[in-house]
Each structure stands twice: as structure tokens, then as C-alpha cells.
Protein backbone atom coordinates (compact mmCIF):
# COMPACT_ATOMS: atom_id res chain seq x y z
CA MET A 1 23.10 -33.03 -16.04
CA THR A 2 23.81 -32.80 -12.24
CA SER A 3 22.38 -29.62 -10.60
CA SER A 4 23.09 -27.85 -7.63
CA THR A 5 18.79 -27.52 -7.19
CA GLU A 6 17.45 -30.83 -6.45
CA THR A 7 13.98 -32.17 -9.15
CA GLN A 8 11.84 -34.17 -8.23
CA ILE A 9 10.77 -36.26 -11.44
CA THR A 10 7.23 -37.50 -11.14
CA THR A 11 5.37 -39.89 -13.18
CA GLU A 12 1.89 -38.90 -14.86
CA SER A 13 -0.94 -40.17 -17.00
CA GLY A 14 0.52 -42.79 -19.74
CA ASN A 15 3.87 -42.90 -18.08
CA ARG A 16 5.66 -39.25 -19.12
CA GLN A 17 7.90 -38.38 -17.03
CA ASN A 18 7.97 -34.55 -15.59
CA ILE A 19 10.99 -33.24 -13.79
CA PHE A 20 9.68 -30.44 -11.54
CA PRO A 21 11.91 -27.71 -9.15
CA VAL A 22 11.15 -28.88 -5.24
CA GLU A 23 9.73 -25.76 -4.27
CA ALA A 24 10.67 -23.44 -1.21
CA GLN A 25 8.51 -24.61 1.64
CA PRO A 26 6.65 -20.47 2.36
CA GLN A 27 7.57 -19.12 6.50
CA LEU A 28 5.48 -16.62 8.29
CA VAL A 29 7.62 -14.36 9.32
CA GLU A 30 5.73 -12.59 12.16
CA ASN A 31 8.01 -9.85 13.38
CA TYR A 32 6.68 -6.94 12.51
CA ASP A 33 7.69 -4.23 15.37
CA GLY A 34 7.21 -0.93 14.31
CA TYR A 35 6.17 -1.67 10.47
CA GLY A 36 3.06 1.73 11.09
CA GLU A 37 5.17 3.19 12.63
CA ASP A 38 8.16 3.14 9.97
CA ALA A 39 4.52 3.26 7.29
CA GLU A 40 3.25 6.20 8.58
CA LYS A 41 6.14 7.70 8.77
CA ALA A 42 7.15 7.11 5.21
CA ASN A 43 3.38 8.09 3.77
CA GLY A 44 4.34 11.59 6.48
CA ARG A 45 7.39 11.77 4.29
CA TRP A 46 5.50 11.47 0.50
CA ALA A 47 3.20 13.65 0.83
CA MET A 48 5.38 16.43 2.14
CA ILE A 49 7.46 16.30 -1.17
CA GLY A 50 3.99 16.53 -2.98
CA PHE A 51 2.64 19.31 -0.73
CA VAL A 52 6.12 21.18 -2.00
CA ALA A 53 6.43 19.95 -5.19
CA LEU A 54 2.62 21.23 -5.58
CA LEU A 55 3.69 24.52 -4.48
CA GLY A 56 6.54 24.68 -6.75
CA ALA A 57 4.03 24.49 -10.00
CA TYR A 58 2.10 26.57 -8.52
CA MET A 59 4.89 29.33 -7.92
CA THR A 60 6.25 28.80 -11.43
CA THR A 61 3.15 28.32 -13.49
CA GLY A 62 0.83 29.76 -11.96
CA GLN A 63 -1.64 26.64 -11.92
CA ILE A 64 -2.55 24.35 -10.01
CA ILE A 65 -1.85 21.29 -11.49
CA PRO A 66 0.05 22.63 -14.24
CA GLY A 67 -1.61 22.03 -18.18
CA ILE A 68 -5.77 20.78 -16.18
CA PHE A 69 -5.84 23.89 -14.34
């Protein structure tokens, strides 16, 4: 049987052989330019959506958190 992935045969105690796929080598990604600014923008937008949802729930039900308060 042939496959497109590389395999490695290992011999364990008792002369048992197992076939494991070769693991990919981890790569370090060092390009995080602008990550902090993008995260802050995303957090701010989610906070604005939550605040608008809170106002909409309060105006329609008269409760701060419908079903609880």
C-alpha cells in the first residue's frame, strides 16, 4: 500500500513494528505587526454590539436582563 505522506517505521520491545506518520516541524511566526491594535478594535466593536443589545432588551422588556432582573 502506498500513500502520499511520509511514514517512519519504529521497532518496539518484543520486535513489534509500528508505523507512525512523520510529524510536521513547528514553525515560529514572528510577524505580529498590528495584532494588538486589531484585537482592541474587535473588543471595542463587540462591546458596542453588547451595549446596543442591552439597550434593545431594556426598551422592549423593561428589564435590564430579561428573566433575571
